């Protein structure tokens, strides 16, 4: 998902760039799990106010004509809240694999 990011610099620079992209892509700033605790909230990179709904990965996949069932399954599997993310067995039971 983030392979196309071109980052110059140290490994820490790359890590921070990918962390920021993930926070934006999964809209972590709006999820209580990440924003309810002051310490956790400070770990979030600044929110990119220039992003629009069209920048979201789901929209990009829809625009590439990826089947809806595939997008739905990936969306379920990548739930950013650990307690809500399905296990491998649950994904199998979901009927995709």
PDB file of N, CA and C in Angstrom:
ATOM      1  N   UNK A   1       0.819  -1.188   0.000  1.00  0.00           N
ATOM      2  CA  UNK A   1       0.000   0.000   0.000  1.00  0.00           C
ATOM      3  C   UNK A   1       0.867   1.257   0.000  1.00  0.00           C
ATOM      4  N   UNK A   2       2.027   1.175   0.642  1.00  0.00           N
ATOM      5  CA  UNK A   2       2.876   2.356   0.743  1.00  0.00           C
ATOM      6  C   UNK A   2       4.183   2.184  -0.025  1.00  0.00           C
ATOM      7  N   UNK A   3       4.245   1.179  -0.882  1.00  0.00           N
ATOM      8  CA  UNK A   3       5.456   0.918  -1.661  1.00  0.00           C
ATOM      9  C   UNK A   3       5.816   2.066  -2.588  1.00  0.00           C
ATOM     10  N   UNK A   4       4.838   2.829  -3.008  1.00  0.00           N
ATOM     11  CA  UNK A   4       5.100   3.901  -3.970  1.00  0.00           C
ATOM     12  C   UNK A   4       5.663   5.168  -3.319  1.00  0.00           C
ATOM     13  N   UNK A   5       5.716   5.200  -1.992  1.00  0.00           N
ATOM     14  CA  UNK A   5       6.276   6.382  -1.323  1.00  0.00           C
ATOM     15  C   UNK A   5       7.774   6.465  -1.595  1.00  0.00           C
ATOM     16  N   UNK A   6       8.208   7.589  -2.058  1.00  0.00           N
ATOM     17  CA  UNK A   6       9.633   7.827  -2.311  1.00  0.00           C
ATOM     18  C   UNK A   6      10.160   8.683  -1.172  1.00  0.00           C
ATOM     19  N   UNK A   7      11.018   8.083  -0.341  1.00  0.00           N
ATOM     20  CA  UNK A   7      11.514   8.791   0.831  1.00  0.00           C
ATOM     21  C   UNK A   7      13.035   8.761   0.826  1.00  0.00           C
ATOM     22  N   UNK A   8      13.617   9.927   0.880  1.00  0.00           N
ATOM     23  CA  UNK A   8      15.066  10.054   1.005  1.00  0.00           C
ATOM     24  C   UNK A   8      15.392  10.199   2.487  1.00  0.00           C
ATOM     25  N   UNK A   9      16.575   9.781   2.863  1.00  0.00           N
ATOM     26  CA  UNK A   9      16.999   9.995   4.236  1.00  0.00           C
ATOM     27  C   UNK A   9      17.221   8.704   4.993  1.00  0.00           C
ATOM     28  N   UNK A  10      17.180   8.832   6.295  1.00  0.00           N
ATOM     29  CA  UNK A  10      17.489   7.714   7.180  1.00  0.00           C
ATOM     30  C   UNK A  10      16.298   6.764   7.298  1.00  0.00           C
ATOM     31  N   UNK A  11      16.547   5.655   7.940  1.00  0.00           N
ATOM     32  CA  UNK A  11      15.478   4.697   8.202  1.00  0.00           C
ATOM     33  C   UNK A  11      14.395   5.341   9.071  1.00  0.00           C
ATOM     34  N   UNK A  12      14.794   6.180  10.003  1.00  0.00           N
ATOM     35  CA  UNK A  12      13.830   6.897  10.853  1.00  0.00           C
ATOM     36  C   UNK A  12      12.972   7.834  10.001  1.00  0.00           C
ATOM     37  N   UNK A  13      13.588   8.517   9.031  1.00  0.00           N
ATOM     38  CA  UNK A  13      12.830   9.391   8.125  1.00  0.00           C
ATOM     39  C   UNK A  13      11.780   8.587   7.363  1.00  0.00           C
ATOM     40  N   UNK A  14      12.178   7.423   6.877  1.00  0.00           N
ATOM     41  CA  UNK A  14      11.253   6.563   6.133  1.00  0.00           C
ATOM     42  C   UNK A  14      10.124   6.077   7.041  1.00  0.00           C
ATOM     43  N   UNK A  15      10.497   5.680   8.255  1.00  0.00           N
ATOM     44  CA  UNK A  15       9.497   5.215   9.223  1.00  0.00           C
ATOM     45  C   UNK A  15       8.476   6.310   9.515  1.00  0.00           C
ATOM     46  N   UNK A  16       8.948   7.518   9.743  1.00  0.00           N
ATOM     47  CA  UNK A  16       8.042   8.628  10.054  1.00  0.00           C
ATOM     48  C   UNK A  16       7.139   8.975   8.873  1.00  0.00           C
ATOM     49  N   UNK A  17       7.665   8.887   7.669  1.00  0.00           N
ATOM     50  CA  UNK A  17       6.867   9.174   6.477  1.00  0.00           C
ATOM     51  C   UNK A  17       5.763   8.140   6.309  1.00  0.00           C
ATOM     52  N   UNK A  18       6.107   6.876   6.489  1.00  0.00           N
ATOM     53  CA  UNK A  18       5.105   5.812   6.358  1.00  0.00           C
ATOM     54  C   UNK A  18       4.092   5.895   7.493  1.00  0.00           C
ATOM     55  N   UNK A  19       4.553   6.193   8.702  1.00  0.00           N
ATOM     56  CA  UNK A  19       3.631   6.349   9.832  1.00  0.00           C
ATOM     57  C   UNK A  19       2.623   7.468   9.554  1.00  0.00           C
ATOM     58  N   UNK A  20       3.102   8.582   9.022  1.00  0.00           N
ATOM     59  CA  UNK A  20       2.209   9.700   8.702  1.00  0.00           C
ATOM     60  C   UNK A  20       1.214   9.304   7.615  1.00  0.00           C
ATOM     61  N   UNK A  21       1.689   8.585   6.600  1.00  0.00           N
ATOM     62  CA  UNK A  21       0.796   8.149   5.523  1.00  0.00           C
ATOM     63  C   UNK A  21      -0.274   7.195   6.050  1.00  0.00           C
ATOM     64  N   UNK A  22       0.119   6.294   6.932  1.00  0.00           N
ATOM     65  CA  UNK A  22      -0.845   5.353   7.515  1.00  0.00           C
ATOM     66  C   UNK A  22      -1.883   6.090   8.357  1.00  0.00           C
ATOM     67  N   UNK A  23      -1.436   7.056   9.138  1.00  0.00           N
ATOM     68  CA  UNK A  23      -2.369   7.818   9.977  1.00  0.00           C
ATOM     69  C   UNK A  23      -3.396   8.541   9.121  1.00  0.00           C
ATOM     70  N   UNK A  24      -2.944   9.082   7.983  1.00  0.00           N
ATOM     71  CA  UNK A  24      -3.869   9.786   7.086  1.00  0.00           C
ATOM     72  C   UNK A  24      -4.789   8.797   6.382  1.00  0.00           C
ATOM     73  N   UNK A  25      -4.209   7.715   5.881  1.00  0.00           N
ATOM     74  CA  UNK A  25      -4.965   6.755   5.079  1.00  0.00           C
ATOM     75  C   UNK A  25      -6.080   6.093   5.886  1.00  0.00           C
ATOM     76  N   UNK A  26      -5.811   5.827   7.154  1.00  0.00           N
ATOM     77  CA  UNK A  26      -6.799   5.169   8.006  1.00  0.00           C
ATOM     78  C   UNK A  26      -7.527   6.150   8.919  1.00  0.00           C
ATOM     79  N   UNK A  27      -7.274   7.438   8.715  1.00  0.00           N
ATOM     80  CA  UNK A  27      -7.956   8.508   9.448  1.00  0.00           C
ATOM     81  C   UNK A  27      -7.908   8.278  10.957  1.00  0.00           C
ATOM     82  N   UNK A  28      -6.719   7.949  11.438  1.00  0.00           N
ATOM     83  CA  UNK A  28      -6.547   7.611  12.853  1.00  0.00           C
ATOM     84  C   UNK A  28      -6.894   8.762  13.786  1.00  0.00           C
ATOM     85  N   UNK A  29      -6.864   9.980  13.276  1.00  0.00           N
ATOM     86  CA  UNK A  29      -7.188  11.145  14.109  1.00  0.00           C
ATOM     87  C   UNK A  29      -8.651  11.140  14.563  1.00  0.00           C
ATOM     88  N   UNK A  30      -9.507  10.422  13.861  1.00  0.00           N
ATOM     89  CA  UNK A  30     -10.937  10.408  14.190  1.00  0.00           C
ATOM     90  C   UNK A  30     -11.364   9.159  14.953  1.00  0.00           C
ATOM     91  N   UNK A  31     -10.429   8.255  15.207  1.00  0.00           N
ATOM     92  CA  UNK A  31     -10.768   6.989  15.863  1.00  0.00           C
ATOM     93  C   UNK A  31     -10.465   7.099  17.352  1.00  0.00           C
ATOM     94  N   UNK A  32     -11.473   6.850  18.156  1.00  0.00           N
ATOM     95  CA  UNK A  32     -11.344   7.012  19.606  1.00  0.00           C
ATOM     96  C   UNK A  32     -10.172   6.221  20.184  1.00  0.00           C
ATOM     97  N   UNK A  33      -9.934   5.039  19.672  1.00  0.00           N
ATOM     98  CA  UNK A  33      -8.835   4.201  20.157  1.00  0.00           C
ATOM     99  C   UNK A  33      -7.511   4.972  20.135  1.00  0.00           C
ATOM    100  N   UNK A  34      -7.319   5.823  19.139  1.00  0.00           N
ATOM    101  CA  UNK A  34      -6.066   6.561  18.980  1.00  0.00           C
ATOM    102  C   UNK A  34      -6.117   7.976  19.534  1.00  0.00           C
ATOM    103  N   UNK A  35      -7.286   8.581  19.601  1.00  0.00           N
ATOM    104  CA  UNK A  35      -7.321   9.987  20.021  1.00  0.00           C
ATOM    105  C   UNK A  35      -7.832  10.210  21.439  1.00  0.00           C
ATOM    106  N   UNK A  36      -8.268   9.154  22.135  1.00  0.00           N
ATOM    107  CA  UNK A  36      -8.834   9.345  23.473  1.00  0.00           C
ATOM    108  C   UNK A  36      -7.766   9.505  24.555  1.00  0.00           C
ATOM    109  N   UNK A  37      -6.590   8.972  24.334  1.00  0.00           N
ATOM    110  CA  UNK A  37      -5.517   9.058  25.319  1.00  0.00           C
ATOM    111  C   UNK A  37      -4.533  10.160  24.900  1.00  0.00           C
ATOM    112  N   UNK A  38      -4.240  11.105  25.799  1.00  0.00           N
ATOM    113  CA  UNK A  38      -3.348  12.215  25.427  1.00  0.00           C
ATOM    114  C   UNK A  38      -1.968  11.751  24.947  1.00  0.00           C
ATOM    115  N   UNK A  39      -1.419  10.704  25.574  1.00  0.00           N
ATOM    116  CA  UNK A  39      -0.097  10.222  25.164  1.00  0.00           C
ATOM    117  C   UNK A  39      -0.143   9.621  23.764  1.00  0.00           C
ATOM    118  N   UNK A  40      -1.169   8.848  23.498  1.00  0.00           N
ATOM    119  CA  UNK A  40      -1.319   8.243  22.175  1.00  0.00           C
ATOM    120  C   UNK A  40      -1.587   9.315  21.129  1.00  0.00           C
ATOM    121  N   UNK A  41      -2.412  10.282  21.472  1.00  0.00           N
ATOM    122  CA  UNK A  41      -2.746  11.366  20.544  1.00  0.00           C
ATOM    123  C   UNK A  41      -1.485  12.130  20.124  1.00  0.00           C
ATOM    124  N   UNK A  42      -0.539  12.293  21.053  1.00  0.00           N
ATOM    125  CA  UNK A  42       0.704  13.004  20.731  1.00  0.00           C
ATOM    126  C   UNK A  42       1.572  12.228  19.746  1.00  0.00           C
ATOM    127  N   UNK A  43       1.388  10.916  19.677  1.00  0.00           N
ATOM    128  CA  UNK A  43       2.168  10.101  18.748  1.00  0.00           C
ATOM    129  C   UNK A  43       1.679  10.228  17.307  1.00  0.00           C
ATOM    130  N   UNK A  44       0.440  10.684  17.144  1.00  0.00           N
ATOM    131  CA  UNK A  44      -0.097  10.846  15.794  1.00  0.00           C
ATOM    132  C   UNK A  44       0.593  12.007  15.089  1.00  0.00           C
ATOM    133  N   UNK A  45       0.965  11.810  13.832  1.00  0.00           N
ATOM    134  CA  UNK A  45       1.528  12.937  13.081  1.00  0.00           C
ATOM    135  C   UNK A  45       0.443  13.974  12.823  1.00  0.00           C
ATOM    136  N   UNK A  46       0.820  15.189  12.483  1.00  0.00           N
ATOM    137  CA  UNK A  46      -0.192  16.213  12.191  1.00  0.00           C
ATOM    138  C   UNK A  46      -1.132  15.749  11.077  1.00  0.00           C
ATOM    139  N   UNK A  47      -2.399  16.081  11.227  1.00  0.00           N
ATOM    140  CA  UNK A  47      -3.389  15.707  10.215  1.00  0.00           C
ATOM    141  C   UNK A  47      -3.179  16.547   8.959  1.00  0.00           C
ATOM    142  N   UNK A  48      -3.224  15.878   7.816  1.00  0.00           N
ATOM    143  CA  UNK A  48      -3.074  16.560   6.529  1.00  0.00           C
ATOM    144  C   UNK A  48      -4.436  17.087   6.106  1.00  0.00           C
ATOM    145  N   UNK A  49      -4.649  18.367   6.277  1.00  0.00           N
ATOM    146  CA  UNK A  49      -5.942  18.985   5.971  1.00  0.00           C
ATOM    147  C   UNK A  49      -6.188  19.133   4.472  1.00  0.00           C
ATOM    148  N   UNK A  50      -5.162  18.870   3.661  1.00  0.00           N
ATOM    149  CA  UNK A  50      -5.336  19.004   2.212  1.00  0.00           C
ATOM    150  C   UNK A  50      -5.931  17.744   1.585  1.00  0.00           C
ATOM    151  N   UNK A  51      -5.944  16.650   2.321  1.00  0.00           N
ATOM    152  CA  UNK A  51      -6.486  15.402   1.773  1.00  0.00           C
ATOM    153  C   UNK A  51      -7.999  15.497   1.649  1.00  0.00           C
ATOM    154  N   UNK A  52      -8.506  14.838   0.619  1.00  0.00           N
ATOM    155  CA  UNK A  52      -9.949  14.785   0.415  1.00  0.00           C
ATOM    156  C   UNK A  52     -10.390  13.332   0.436  1.00  0.00           C
ATOM    157  N   UNK A  53     -11.676  13.123   0.375  1.00  0.00           N
ATOM    158  CA  UNK A  53     -12.211  11.768   0.337  1.00  0.00           C
ATOM    159  C   UNK A  53     -11.655  10.994  -0.859  1.00  0.00           C
ATOM    160  N   UNK A  54     -11.361  11.682  -1.928  1.00  0.00           N
ATOM    161  CA  UNK A  54     -10.840  11.030  -3.134  1.00  0.00           C
ATOM    162  C   UNK A  54      -9.436  10.474  -2.945  1.00  0.00           C
ATOM    163  N   UNK A  55      -8.743  10.898  -1.886  1.00  0.00           N
ATOM    164  CA  UNK A  55      -7.402  10.396  -1.601  1.00  0.00           C
ATOM    165  C   UNK A  55      -7.419   9.083  -0.825  1.00  0.00           C
ATOM    166  N   UNK A  56      -8.560   8.650  -0.353  1.00  0.00           N
ATOM    167  CA  UNK A  56      -8.654   7.450   0.475  1.00  0.00           C
ATOM    168  C   UNK A  56      -8.390   6.200  -0.359  1.00  0.00           C
ATOM    169  N   UNK A  57      -7.714   5.227   0.241  1.00  0.00           N
ATOM    170  CA  UNK A  57      -7.325   4.026  -0.497  1.00  0.00           C
ATOM    171  C   UNK A  57      -8.523   3.253  -1.035  1.00  0.00           C
ATOM    172  N   UNK A  58      -9.637   3.250  -0.321  1.00  0.00           N
ATOM    173  CA  UNK A  58     -10.823   2.536  -0.803  1.00  0.00           C
ATOM    174  C   UNK A  58     -11.322   3.168  -2.106  1.00  0.00           C
ATOM    175  N   UNK A  59     -11.365   4.474  -2.144  1.00  0.00           N
ATOM    176  CA  UNK A  59     -11.821   5.180  -3.347  1.00  0.00           C
ATOM    177  C   UNK A  59     -10.875   4.891  -4.512  1.00  0.00           C
ATOM    178  N   UNK A  60      -9.586   4.873  -4.228  1.00  0.00           N
ATOM    179  CA  UNK A  60      -8.610   4.581  -5.285  1.00  0.00           C
ATOM    180  C   UNK A  60      -8.821   3.178  -5.852  1.00  0.00           C
ATOM    181  N   UNK A  61      -9.116   2.205  -4.983  1.00  0.00           N
ATOM    182  CA  UNK A  61      -9.364   0.841  -5.467  1.00  0.00           C
ATOM    183  C   UNK A  61     -10.659   0.764  -6.269  1.00  0.00           C
ATOM    184  N   UNK A  62     -11.673   1.465  -5.816  1.00  0.00           N
ATOM    185  CA  UNK A  62     -12.942   1.504  -6.563  1.00  0.00           C
ATOM    186  C   UNK A  62     -12.697   2.079  -7.955  1.00  0.00           C
ATOM    187  N   UNK A  63     -11.910   3.139  -8.025  1.00  0.00           N
ATOM    188  CA  UNK A  63     -11.614   3.776  -9.309  1.00  0.00           C
ATOM    189  C   UNK A  63     -10.790   2.884 -10.235  1.00  0.00           C
ATOM    190  N   UNK A  64     -10.131   1.871  -9.664  1.00  0.00           N
ATOM    191  CA  UNK A  64      -9.361   0.920 -10.475  1.00  0.00           C
ATOM    192  C   UNK A  64     -10.193  -0.310 -10.828  1.00  0.00           C
ATOM    193  N   UNK A  65     -11.490  -0.224 -10.549  1.00  0.00           N
ATOM    194  CA  UNK A  65     -12.426  -1.318 -10.854  1.00  0.00           C
ATOM    195  C   UNK A  65     -12.100  -2.619 -10.122  1.00  0.00           C
ATOM    196  N   UNK A  66     -11.567  -2.506  -8.918  1.00  0.00           N
ATOM    197  CA  UNK A  66     -11.352  -3.683  -8.079  1.00  0.00           C
ATOM    198  C   UNK A  66     -12.729  -4.140  -7.602  1.00  0.00           C
ATOM    199  N   UNK A  67     -12.999  -5.443  -7.627  1.00  0.00           N
ATOM    200  CA  UNK A  67     -14.322  -5.921  -7.196  1.00  0.00           C
ATOM    201  C   UNK A  67     -14.655  -5.492  -5.759  1.00  0.00           C
ATOM    202  N   UNK A  68     -15.903  -5.124  -5.560  1.00  0.00           N
ATOM    203  CA  UNK A  68     -16.366  -4.628  -4.259  1.00  0.00           C
ATOM    204  C   UNK A  68     -16.082  -5.623  -3.131  1.00  0.00           C
ATOM    205  N   UNK A  69     -16.278  -6.913  -3.379  1.00  0.00           N
ATOM    206  CA  UNK A  69     -16.040  -7.938  -2.349  1.00  0.00           C
ATOM    207  C   UNK A  69     -14.569  -7.936  -1.928  1.00  0.00           C
ATOM    208  N   UNK A  70     -13.656  -7.745  -2.879  1.00  0.00           N
ATOM    209  CA  UNK A  70     -12.229  -7.687  -2.556  1.00  0.00           C
ATOM    210  C   UNK A  70     -11.926  -6.484  -1.671  1.00  0.00           C
ATOM    211  N   UNK A  71     -12.478  -5.341  -2.029  1.00  0.00           N
ATOM    212  CA  UNK A  71     -12.248  -4.119  -1.250  1.00  0.00           C
ATOM    213  C   UNK A  71     -12.833  -4.267   0.148  1.00  0.00           C
ATOM    214  N   UNK A  72     -14.022  -4.829   0.229  1.00  0.00           N
ATOM    215  CA  UNK A  72     -14.674  -5.027   1.524  1.00  0.00           C
ATOM    216  C   UNK A  72     -13.835  -5.928   2.426  1.00  0.00           C
ATOM    217  N   UNK A  73     -13.292  -6.990   1.867  1.00  0.00           N
ATOM    218  CA  UNK A  73     -12.484  -7.922   2.655  1.00  0.00           C
ATOM    219  C   UNK A  73     -11.207  -7.261   3.147  1.00  0.00           C
ATOM    220  N   UNK A  74     -10.545  -6.518   2.281  1.00  0.00           N
ATOM    221  CA  UNK A  74      -9.327  -5.816   2.690  1.00  0.00           C
ATOM    222  C   UNK A  74      -9.660  -4.784   3.759  1.00  0.00           C
ATOM    223  N   UNK A  75     -10.767  -4.094   3.601  1.00  0.00           N
ATOM    224  CA  UNK A  75     -11.193  -3.096   4.584  1.00  0.00           C
ATOM    225  C   UNK A  75     -11.414  -3.754   5.946  1.00  0.00           C
ATOM    226  N   UNK A  76     -12.051  -4.907   5.959  1.00  0.00           N
ATOM    227  CA  UNK A  76     -12.286  -5.643   7.206  1.00  0.00           C
ATOM    228  C   UNK A  76     -10.952  -6.091   7.808  1.00  0.00           C
ATOM    229  N   UNK A  77     -10.069  -6.632   6.976  1.00  0.00           N
ATOM    230  CA  UNK A  77      -8.789  -7.161   7.454  1.00  0.00           C
ATOM    231  C   UNK A  77      -7.863  -6.073   7.988  1.00  0.00           C
ATOM    232  N   UNK A  78      -7.992  -4.865   7.476  1.00  0.00           N
ATOM    233  CA  UNK A  78      -7.099  -3.774   7.878  1.00  0.00           C
ATOM    234  C   UNK A  78      -7.723  -2.832   8.906  1.00  0.00           C
ATOM    235  N   UNK A  79      -8.705  -3.304   9.641  1.00  0.00           N
ATOM    236  CA  UNK A  79      -9.325  -2.460  10.661  1.00  0.00           C
ATOM    237  C   UNK A  79      -8.234  -1.919  11.584  1.00  0.00           C
ATOM    238  N   UNK A  80      -8.124  -0.603  11.750  1.00  0.00           N
ATOM    239  CA  UNK A  80      -7.050  -0.033  12.552  1.00  0.00           C
ATOM    240  C   UNK A  80      -7.204  -0.224  14.061  1.00  0.00           C
ATOM    241  N   UNK A  81      -8.347  -0.687  14.514  1.00  0.00           N
ATOM    242  CA  UNK A  81      -8.539  -0.937  15.946  1.00  0.00           C
ATOM    243  C   UNK A  81      -8.237  -2.416  16.203  1.00  0.00           C
ATOM    244  N   UNK A  82      -7.158  -2.703  16.932  1.00  0.00           N
ATOM    245  CA  UNK A  82      -6.728  -4.093  17.100  1.00  0.00           C
ATOM    246  C   UNK A  82      -7.818  -5.048  17.589  1.00  0.00           C
ATOM    247  N   UNK A  83      -8.636  -4.615  18.539  1.00  0.00           N
ATOM    248  CA  UNK A  83      -9.673  -5.496  19.082  1.00  0.00           C
ATOM    249  C   UNK A  83     -10.769  -5.806  18.066  1.00  0.00           C
ATOM    250  N   UNK A  84     -10.903  -4.989  17.047  1.00  0.00           N
ATOM    251  CA  UNK A  84     -11.939  -5.183  16.028  1.00  0.00           C
ATOM    252  C   UNK A  84     -11.404  -5.847  14.761  1.00  0.00           C
ATOM    253  N   UNK A  85     -10.087  -6.010  14.678  1.00  0.00           N
ATOM    254  CA  UNK A  85      -9.465  -6.620  13.505  1.00  0.00           C
ATOM    255  C   UNK A  85      -9.680  -8.129  13.569  1.00  0.00           C
ATOM    256  N   UNK A  86     -10.140  -8.730  12.493  1.00  0.00           N
ATOM    257  CA  UNK A  86     -10.407 -10.166  12.518  1.00  0.00           C
ATOM    258  C   UNK A  86      -9.122 -10.992  12.506  1.00  0.00           C
ATOM    259  N   UNK A  87      -9.243 -12.180  13.069  1.00  0.00           N
ATOM    260  CA  UNK A  87      -8.132 -13.132  13.020  1.00  0.00           C
ATOM    261  C   UNK A  87      -8.115 -13.783  11.636  1.00  0.00           C
ATOM    262  N   UNK A  88      -7.070 -14.551  11.371  1.00  0.00           N
ATOM    263  CA  UNK A  88      -6.995 -15.269  10.092  1.00  0.00           C
ATOM    264  C   UNK A  88      -8.167 -16.237   9.966  1.00  0.00           C
ATOM    265  N   UNK A  89      -8.515 -16.900  11.062  1.00  0.00           N
ATOM    266  CA  UNK A  89      -9.639 -17.838  11.037  1.00  0.00           C
ATOM    267  C   UNK A  89     -10.944 -17.108  10.733  1.00  0.00           C
ATOM    268  N   UNK A  90     -11.131 -15.943  11.342  1.00  0.00           N
ATOM    269  CA  UNK A  90     -12.345 -15.163  11.070  1.00  0.00           C
ATOM    270  C   UNK A  90     -12.408 -14.723   9.607  1.00  0.00           C
ATOM    271  N   UNK A  91     -11.258 -14.391   9.033  1.00  0.00           N
ATOM    272  CA  UNK A  91     -11.241 -14.029   7.615  1.00  0.00           C
ATOM    273  C   UNK A  91     -11.611 -15.228   6.744  1.00  0.00           C
ATOM    274  N   UNK A  92     -11.137 -16.402   7.135  1.00  0.00           N
ATOM    275  CA  UNK A  92     -11.512 -17.615   6.401  1.00  0.00           C
ATOM    276  C   UNK A  92     -13.013 -17.852   6.499  1.00  0.00           C
ATOM    277  N   UNK A  93     -13.552 -17.655   7.696  1.00  0.00           N
ATOM    278  CA  UNK A  93     -14.989 -17.841   7.898  1.00  0.00           C
ATOM    279  C   UNK A  93     -15.797 -16.777   7.159  1.00  0.00           C
ATOM    280  N   UNK A  94     -15.188 -15.636   6.921  1.00  0.00           N
ATOM    281  CA  UNK A  94     -15.850 -14.548   6.200  1.00  0.00           C
ATOM    282  C   UNK A  94     -16.185 -14.984   4.776  1.00  0.00           C
ATOM    283  N   UNK A  95     -15.444 -15.974   4.291  1.00  0.00           N
ATOM    284  CA  UNK A  95     -15.761 -16.553   2.993  1.00  0.00           C
ATOM    285  C   UNK A  95     -14.977 -16.009   1.825  1.00  0.00           C
ATOM    286  N   UNK A  96     -13.969 -15.207   2.102  1.00  0.00           N
ATOM    287  CA  UNK A  96     -13.208 -14.649   0.995  1.00  0.00           C
ATOM    288  C   UNK A  96     -12.129 -15.618   0.516  1.00  0.00           C
ATOM    289  N   UNK A  97     -11.410 -16.173   1.453  1.00  0.00           N
ATOM    290  CA  UNK A  97     -10.262 -17.025   1.098  1.00  0.00           C
ATOM    291  C   UNK A  97     -10.705 -18.470   0.940  1.00  0.00           C
TER     292      UNK A  97
END
